[in-house]
Amino acid sequence: MALRRFLVIVILAFLISNSYSQNAAPVMSSANISPSSPATDQNLTAIAAATDADGDSFTFAYNWYVNRLSTTIFNHPFMNDSESTDNQTTYDISGNSLIGQLGNATVNDAAEPTIQTGASCKIGACYLFDGSNDYIQLNDTAIMNMSATQSFAISMWFKSVHGGNFLLSKGETGAAGGVTLDFSSTTLSFAIRGTIAAAPAAVVANSSTVPMLDNNWHQVIAVRDVTSDQLFLYIDGVFRDASTDTTTGSLAEADPVYIGASDTKASTWNGSLDEVRFYNRSLSADEVAALYYGENTFSANNITSHMETFINDKWNATVTPIDAFGLNGTPSWSNNTVTIAAISNTAPSITNLNITPVSP
C-alpha cells in the first residue's frame, strides 16, 4: 500500500512538472492599425487579438515602425527568463536584437534581478532589483551611440522607496560620452555627455507635489531634442523640467547599457522596473501624454499621436503576446500598413451676395 501511495505521488509530481514545462505560448490572431486611411489629425491605434491554449491571461507588447524603420533602438517589455530557451536573457522586440543579459551571464547568479508577474508589475512581467548588485546589461553596438545631431528618448516605469540609485546608464559618470538616468539622493536626473565630460541635466526632485519614491509605479520619459537644443524630463505624462543641451560632439562611447546600475555596476536600483524603451527620435509632449495614458489606462503602448505623423509617412507595427507567466508568443506584423494623408479640407464658396438696405 505504501509503495502504491509513493508511486501515485511520484506520478502526480511528474504530471504537474510536465504540465508547467509544457506551458504554451499565446498565439496572435490578428493585428491591425486603425484608422486604415488616417489623416494628419488622427492618432494611430494598433488593435490586437490572441488566444492561449492554457487559458492564461496575456498582454500585448507593441513596436511601431515608420517608413520601414523601427521607432525604437531597443524595446524591453520584460519577459520571464525561466520561460525562455536560455534562462539568461530578456528579449528585445525592437527588431534590432539587443537582448538584455541578466546579471553576469551565469544562470541564477547573485546579480540577476528577480522576475515578477501579475499585480506586482505595471504591465505583464517586470524585474525586481535588490539594490545590492542586480543589473541587466545590453552590449554596446553602433546604434546605441548617439551622434552630436541625434535626438532620442528613454521611457520606463519604476517603483521604489529608495533614492540614490541608477535607472539606466551608458558611459561612466564624469567621463566623456554617455547617457545617465538616475536618482542622486531623491532628485531624478537625466544627463548626457559629449566629447567634453561636462553634463547638462534636466532634474526633478521627489516631493509631495511630484511623488516618485512612494512604492507606486511611475513613468519617466527623458528626451533629448536637438531641434530645440533642449533636454526634457516628464513624470507620469507631465512635463517637469528642461535644460539647455550644451554638449559638444558625439555622445558615443564603448560601454554597454546598464539597466538598474551605473557603468561600474554600482549604485544599483532597489525596486522594480518595467517597459524600458530607447527611442531613436525625440518625443513631443503630446506623444508623452499619449504613452502615459495608453500604458496607465490600457496597459499598452499601442497609440501613436498624430503629432508624430506626417503626410505620406507609412506606419505599421509588430505585436508580441506575453502570457501571465512571462512567456512570449511569436511577434506578428500588423495586417495593414497605413499611409498618412492630408486633412481633407474644401475652401468655402460664396453662393449669394447682397447689400442692404436696397435703397440706402
Protein backbone atom coordinates (compact mmCIF):
# COMPACT_ATOMS: atom_id res chain seq x y z
CA MET A 1 0.00 0.00 0.00
CA ALA A 2 2.84 2.35 0.90
CA LEU A 3 4.55 1.60 -2.40
CA ARG A 4 1.35 2.36 -4.32
CA ARG A 5 0.92 5.67 -2.49
CA PHE A 6 4.54 6.54 -3.26
CA LEU A 7 4.08 5.77 -6.95
CA VAL A 8 0.93 7.90 -7.10
CA ILE A 9 2.79 10.85 -5.55
CA VAL A 10 5.69 10.45 -7.99
CA ILE A 11 3.33 10.29 -10.98
CA LEU A 12 1.38 13.35 -9.82
CA ALA A 13 4.60 15.29 -9.29
CA PHE A 14 5.74 14.34 -12.79
CA LEU A 15 2.44 15.39 -14.31
CA ILE A 16 2.48 18.74 -12.52
CA SER A 17 6.09 19.39 -13.51
CA ASN A 18 5.47 18.32 -17.08
CA SER A 19 2.34 20.45 -17.26
CA TYR A 20 4.30 23.54 -16.21
CA SER A 21 7.14 22.85 -18.62
CA GLN A 22 4.61 22.49 -21.41
CA ASN A 23 3.20 25.97 -20.87
CA ALA A 24 2.01 27.04 -24.30
CA ALA A 25 2.84 30.48 -25.63
CA PRO A 26 -0.08 32.71 -26.65
CA VAL A 27 -0.74 32.87 -30.38
CA MET A 28 -1.63 36.02 -32.29
CA SER A 29 -4.99 36.00 -34.08
CA SER A 30 -4.89 39.43 -35.69
CA ALA A 31 -3.20 42.82 -35.57
CA ASN A 32 -4.46 45.91 -37.36
CA ILE A 33 -3.87 49.65 -37.33
CA SER A 34 -6.84 51.96 -37.12
CA PRO A 35 -7.95 54.07 -38.90
CA SER A 36 -6.99 52.35 -42.13
CA SER A 37 -6.77 55.66 -44.03
CA PRO A 38 -5.57 58.19 -41.45
CA ALA A 39 -5.13 61.91 -41.91
CA THR A 40 -2.54 64.03 -40.13
CA ASP A 41 -5.04 64.97 -37.41
CA GLN A 42 -5.79 61.36 -36.36
CA ASN A 43 -3.97 59.19 -33.82
CA LEU A 44 -2.94 55.68 -34.87
CA THR A 45 -4.08 52.76 -32.72
CA ALA A 46 -2.86 49.17 -33.01
CA ILE A 47 -5.63 46.68 -32.25
CA ALA A 48 -4.61 43.09 -31.46
CA ALA A 49 -6.22 39.75 -30.61
CA ALA A 50 -4.66 36.46 -29.48
CA THR A 51 -5.51 33.09 -27.94
CA ASP A 52 -3.80 31.00 -25.26
CA ALA A 53 -4.23 27.22 -25.19
CA ASP A 54 -3.69 27.13 -21.40
CA GLY A 55 -6.31 29.79 -20.76
CA ASP A 56 -3.65 32.09 -19.29
CA SER A 57 -4.25 35.82 -19.29
CA PHE A 58 -1.92 37.78 -21.54
CA THR A 59 -0.85 41.27 -22.53
CA PHE A 60 0.49 42.73 -25.78
CA ALA A 61 3.81 44.49 -26.37
CA TYR A 62 3.92 46.83 -29.38
CA ASN A 63 6.73 48.19 -31.50
CA TRP A 64 6.00 50.87 -34.10
CA TYR A 65 7.67 51.31 -37.49
CA VAL A 66 7.63 54.34 -39.77
CA ASN A 67 8.80 54.00 -43.37
CA ARG A 68 10.09 50.50 -42.52
CA LEU A 69 12.32 51.75 -39.68
CA SER A 70 11.75 50.83 -36.05
CA THR A 71 10.99 53.85 -33.85
CA THR A 72 12.98 52.23 -31.02
CA ILE A 73 16.63 51.26 -30.68
CA PHE A 74 15.65 48.73 -28.02
CA ASN A 75 12.27 47.83 -26.56
CA HIS A 76 12.21 45.62 -23.46
CA PRO A 77 8.72 44.84 -22.11
CA PHE A 78 10.49 42.26 -19.85
CA MET A 79 9.69 38.58 -20.21
CA ASN A 80 10.36 35.67 -17.85
CA ASP A 81 13.88 34.27 -18.25
CA SER A 82 12.76 30.87 -16.90
CA GLU A 83 10.25 30.67 -19.74
CA SER A 84 12.89 31.41 -22.38
CA THR A 85 15.18 28.92 -24.08
CA ASP A 86 18.41 30.00 -22.38
CA ASN A 87 17.23 31.14 -18.93
CA GLN A 88 19.54 34.14 -19.01
CA THR A 89 18.14 36.86 -21.26
CA THR A 90 15.20 39.17 -21.62
CA TYR A 91 14.20 39.81 -25.20
CA ASP A 92 14.22 42.97 -27.28
CA ILE A 93 11.20 43.44 -29.57
CA SER A 94 12.57 46.48 -31.45
CA GLY A 95 13.74 44.33 -34.34
CA ASN A 96 17.38 45.17 -33.52
CA SER A 97 18.03 42.04 -31.40
CA LEU A 98 19.53 43.98 -28.48
CA ILE A 99 18.78 41.32 -25.88
CA GLY A 100 19.33 42.02 -22.20
CA GLN A 101 21.75 39.80 -20.27
CA LEU A 102 20.52 39.17 -16.73
CA GLY A 103 23.39 39.72 -14.31
CA ASN A 104 26.80 38.28 -15.12
CA ALA A 105 25.66 35.56 -17.57
CA THR A 106 25.56 32.73 -15.02
CA VAL A 107 22.13 31.18 -14.51
CA ASN A 108 20.62 32.24 -11.16
CA ASP A 109 23.70 34.28 -10.24
CA ALA A 110 23.52 36.84 -7.45
CA ALA A 111 23.47 39.77 -9.89
CA GLU A 112 20.36 38.53 -11.69
CA PRO A 113 17.19 40.53 -10.94
CA THR A 114 14.09 38.56 -9.94
CA ILE A 115 11.21 38.11 -12.36
CA GLN A 116 7.81 39.33 -11.15
CA THR A 117 4.40 38.85 -12.77
CA GLY A 118 0.78 39.85 -12.32
CA ALA A 119 -0.15 42.55 -9.82
CA SER A 120 3.50 43.09 -8.88
CA CYS A 121 4.13 44.67 -12.28
CA LYS A 122 2.85 47.62 -14.28
CA ILE A 123 2.28 45.60 -17.47
CA GLY A 124 2.75 41.84 -17.78
CA ALA A 125 6.10 40.80 -16.29
CA CYS A 126 8.75 43.02 -14.70
CA TYR A 127 12.02 42.69 -12.79
CA LEU A 128 12.75 43.32 -9.11
CA PHE A 129 16.27 44.64 -8.37
CA ASP A 130 17.65 44.03 -4.87
CA GLY A 131 19.72 47.23 -4.51
CA SER A 132 22.83 45.18 -3.85
CA ASN A 133 24.24 44.04 -7.20
CA ASP A 134 21.41 43.32 -9.67
CA TYR A 135 21.52 44.65 -13.23
CA ILE A 136 20.62 43.95 -16.85
CA GLN A 137 23.31 44.50 -19.49
CA LEU A 138 22.90 45.31 -23.20
CA ASN A 139 26.18 45.02 -25.06
CA ASP A 140 27.44 48.07 -26.92
CA THR A 141 26.54 48.43 -30.60
CA ALA A 142 26.84 51.31 -33.05
CA ILE A 143 23.13 52.20 -32.98
CA MET A 144 23.29 52.78 -29.21
CA ASN A 145 25.85 55.56 -29.61
CA MET A 146 24.20 58.91 -30.18
CA SER A 147 25.81 61.39 -32.56
CA ALA A 148 26.02 65.13 -31.96
CA THR A 149 22.84 65.62 -34.01
CA GLN A 150 20.79 62.61 -32.85
CA SER A 151 17.57 63.19 -30.94
CA PHE A 152 16.43 60.36 -28.68
CA ALA A 153 14.16 59.49 -25.78
CA ILE A 154 14.11 56.99 -22.90
CA SER A 155 10.88 55.66 -21.42
CA MET A 156 10.40 53.32 -18.45
CA TRP A 157 8.27 52.58 -15.39
CA PHE A 158 9.84 52.37 -11.92
CA LYS A 159 8.65 51.54 -8.40
CA SER A 160 10.71 52.13 -5.25
CA VAL A 161 11.04 53.95 -1.95
CA HIS A 162 14.83 54.27 -2.24
CA GLY A 163 16.83 57.12 -3.74
CA GLY A 164 20.47 57.32 -4.77
CA ASN A 165 20.33 54.63 -7.45
CA PHE A 166 20.56 54.30 -11.24
CA LEU A 167 17.69 53.54 -13.58
CA LEU A 168 19.87 53.40 -16.71
CA SER A 169 23.41 54.28 -17.72
CA LYS A 170 25.74 54.20 -20.70
CA GLY A 171 29.20 55.53 -20.01
CA GLU A 172 30.96 56.44 -16.80
CA THR A 173 29.84 59.50 -14.85
CA GLY A 174 32.50 62.20 -15.13
CA ALA A 175 33.94 60.83 -18.37
CA ALA A 176 33.33 61.93 -21.95
CA GLY A 177 30.41 60.37 -23.77
CA GLY A 178 27.29 58.71 -22.46
CA VAL A 179 23.79 58.99 -21.01
CA THR A 180 22.57 58.55 -17.43
CA LEU A 181 19.16 58.48 -15.78
CA ASP A 182 19.48 58.23 -12.01
CA PHE A 183 18.43 59.42 -8.58
CA SER A 184 21.02 61.50 -6.76
CA SER A 185 19.57 61.07 -3.30
CA THR A 186 15.88 61.82 -4.01
CA THR A 187 16.36 64.01 -7.10
CA LEU A 188 15.92 62.38 -10.51
CA SER A 189 18.44 63.50 -13.12
CA PHE A 190 18.69 62.96 -16.89
CA ALA A 191 22.20 63.84 -18.06
CA ILE A 192 24.17 63.48 -21.30
CA ARG A 193 27.87 63.94 -22.05
CA GLY A 194 29.64 64.74 -25.32
CA THR A 195 33.35 64.87 -26.07
CA ILE A 196 33.70 67.13 -23.04
CA ALA A 197 32.72 65.43 -19.78
CA ALA A 198 30.55 68.35 -18.57
CA ALA A 199 26.98 67.07 -18.39
CA PRO A 200 23.88 69.24 -18.86
CA ALA A 201 20.96 67.73 -16.97
CA ALA A 202 17.22 68.04 -16.53
CA VAL A 203 16.24 67.33 -12.92
CA VAL A 204 13.13 66.89 -10.78
CA ALA A 205 13.01 66.37 -7.02
CA ASN A 206 10.82 63.87 -5.23
CA SER A 207 8.18 65.84 -3.31
CA SER A 208 4.57 65.84 -2.20
CA THR A 209 3.61 67.50 -5.50
CA VAL A 210 5.78 65.17 -7.62
CA PRO A 211 5.83 61.90 -5.66
CA MET A 212 8.18 59.33 -7.19
CA LEU A 213 9.66 57.27 -4.34
CA ASP A 214 6.38 56.21 -2.73
CA ASN A 215 6.27 52.49 -3.64
CA ASN A 216 3.88 53.16 -6.51
CA TRP A 217 4.53 52.78 -10.22
CA HIS A 218 5.65 55.95 -12.02
CA GLN A 219 6.59 56.56 -15.63
CA VAL A 220 9.66 58.62 -16.52
CA ILE A 221 10.35 59.83 -20.05
CA ALA A 222 13.62 61.64 -20.76
CA VAL A 223 14.00 63.42 -24.11
CA ARG A 224 16.91 64.94 -25.98
CA ASP A 225 15.61 67.19 -28.76
CA VAL A 226 18.37 68.60 -30.98
CA THR A 227 15.97 70.88 -32.89
CA SER A 228 15.25 72.94 -29.77
CA ASP A 229 18.65 72.12 -28.21
CA GLN A 230 16.90 71.02 -25.03
CA LEU A 231 16.69 68.12 -22.58
CA PHE A 232 13.22 67.41 -21.21
CA LEU A 233 12.08 65.34 -18.26
CA TYR A 234 8.49 64.09 -17.82
CA ILE A 235 6.97 62.23 -14.86
CA ASP A 236 3.67 60.40 -15.33
CA GLY A 237 3.00 62.18 -18.60
CA VAL A 238 3.58 65.68 -17.18
CA PHE A 239 6.47 67.99 -18.12
CA ARG A 240 8.64 68.70 -15.08
CA ASP A 241 11.95 70.23 -16.21
CA ALA A 242 14.07 71.31 -19.18
CA SER A 243 17.74 72.16 -19.60
CA THR A 244 19.74 73.58 -22.49
CA ASP A 245 21.80 70.95 -24.30
CA THR A 246 25.34 72.36 -24.10
CA THR A 247 27.15 69.20 -25.18
CA THR A 248 29.87 69.31 -27.82
CA GLY A 249 30.38 66.47 -30.28
CA SER A 250 29.22 62.88 -30.17
CA LEU A 251 27.80 61.14 -27.10
CA ALA A 252 29.36 57.87 -28.29
CA GLU A 253 31.49 55.63 -26.07
CA ALA A 254 32.17 51.90 -25.97
CA ASP A 255 30.49 50.76 -22.75
CA PRO A 256 27.33 48.63 -22.51
CA VAL A 257 23.94 49.95 -21.49
CA TYR A 258 23.15 49.00 -17.90
CA ILE A 259 19.55 48.87 -16.74
CA GLY A 260 19.35 49.24 -12.98
CA ALA A 261 23.02 50.12 -12.41
CA SER A 262 25.78 52.62 -13.11
CA ASP A 263 28.53 52.00 -15.65
CA THR A 264 30.66 50.44 -12.89
CA LYS A 265 27.75 48.20 -11.81
CA ALA A 266 27.41 50.26 -8.64
CA SER A 267 24.52 52.31 -7.20
CA THR A 268 22.20 49.50 -8.28
CA TRP A 269 18.46 50.00 -8.37
CA ASN A 270 16.46 48.96 -5.31
CA GLY A 271 12.93 48.34 -6.55
CA SER A 272 11.09 47.27 -9.70
CA LEU A 273 11.47 48.31 -13.36
CA ASP A 274 9.19 47.68 -16.33
CA GLU A 275 8.67 48.60 -20.00
CA VAL A 276 12.13 50.00 -20.81
CA ARG A 277 12.45 51.60 -24.25
CA PHE A 278 15.08 53.71 -26.02
CA TYR A 279 13.69 55.69 -28.97
CA ASN A 280 15.76 56.84 -31.94
CA ARG A 281 13.94 60.19 -32.03
CA SER A 282 12.58 62.79 -29.66
CA LEU A 283 9.06 62.54 -28.27
CA SER A 284 6.76 65.55 -28.15
CA ALA A 285 4.76 66.47 -25.04
CA ASP A 286 1.68 65.24 -26.87
CA GLU A 287 3.19 61.81 -27.53
CA VAL A 288 4.48 61.57 -23.95
CA ALA A 289 0.95 62.18 -22.71
CA ALA A 290 -0.42 59.56 -25.13
CA LEU A 291 2.15 56.98 -23.98
CA TYR A 292 1.32 57.56 -20.33
CA TYR A 293 -2.41 57.40 -20.99
CA GLY A 294 -2.12 54.19 -23.00
CA GLU A 295 0.16 52.35 -20.59
CA ASN A 296 -1.53 53.58 -17.43
CA THR A 297 -5.12 53.11 -18.62
CA PHE A 298 -4.95 50.22 -21.09
CA SER A 299 -1.60 48.61 -20.17
CA ALA A 300 -0.39 49.13 -23.73
CA ASN A 301 1.81 51.45 -25.81
CA ASN A 302 -0.49 50.93 -28.78
CA ILE A 303 -1.19 54.58 -29.59
CA THR A 304 0.92 56.85 -31.80
CA SER A 305 0.00 60.51 -31.55
CA HIS A 306 -0.99 62.38 -34.71
CA MET A 307 1.59 64.99 -33.69
CA GLU A 308 4.29 62.49 -34.74
CA THR A 309 2.89 61.63 -38.18
CA PHE A 310 3.47 63.46 -41.46
CA ILE A 311 1.94 63.34 -44.94
CA ASN A 312 2.97 60.21 -46.88
CA ASP A 313 4.52 58.51 -43.85
CA LYS A 314 3.89 54.77 -43.90
CA TRP A 315 3.24 53.23 -40.47
CA ASN A 316 2.90 49.67 -39.25
CA ALA A 317 3.66 47.76 -36.05
CA THR A 318 4.64 44.41 -34.58
CA VAL A 319 2.66 42.93 -31.70
CA THR A 320 4.07 40.34 -29.27
CA PRO A 321 1.67 38.46 -26.94
CA ILE A 322 3.03 37.68 -23.44
CA ASP A 323 1.19 35.36 -21.03
CA ALA A 324 0.78 35.67 -17.26
CA PHE A 325 3.99 33.67 -16.67
CA GLY A 326 6.05 35.98 -18.88
CA LEU A 327 6.19 33.57 -21.84
CA ASN A 328 6.12 35.42 -25.15
CA GLY A 329 4.49 34.23 -28.34
CA THR A 330 5.74 34.89 -31.85
CA PRO A 331 5.53 38.58 -32.86
CA SER A 332 3.06 39.39 -35.61
CA TRP A 333 3.15 42.27 -38.08
CA SER A 334 0.03 44.36 -38.42
CA ASN A 335 -2.09 43.17 -41.32
CA ASN A 336 -2.10 46.64 -42.77
CA THR A 337 0.37 49.45 -43.40
CA VAL A 338 -1.28 52.85 -43.27
CA THR A 339 -0.23 55.93 -45.22
CA ILE A 340 -0.80 59.35 -43.72
CA ALA A 341 -2.91 61.61 -45.93
CA ALA A 342 -3.51 65.34 -45.85
CA ILE A 343 -6.54 66.56 -43.96
CA SER A 344 -9.48 66.75 -46.31
CA ASN A 345 -10.42 70.40 -46.43
CA THR A 346 -12.52 72.23 -49.02
CA ALA A 347 -12.43 76.01 -49.25
CA PRO A 348 -15.79 77.73 -48.67
CA SER A 349 -17.60 79.14 -51.70
CA ILE A 350 -19.93 82.13 -51.86
CA THR A 351 -23.43 81.20 -53.01
CA ASN A 352 -25.11 84.58 -52.56
CA LEU A 353 -24.08 88.21 -52.00
CA ASN A 354 -26.44 91.11 -51.26
CA ILE A 355 -26.04 94.65 -49.99
CA THR A 356 -28.63 96.07 -47.64
CA PRO A 357 -30.58 98.23 -47.46
CA VAL A 358 -31.62 98.10 -51.11
CA SER A 359 -32.31 101.87 -51.16
CA PRO A 360 -29.98 103.45 -48.57
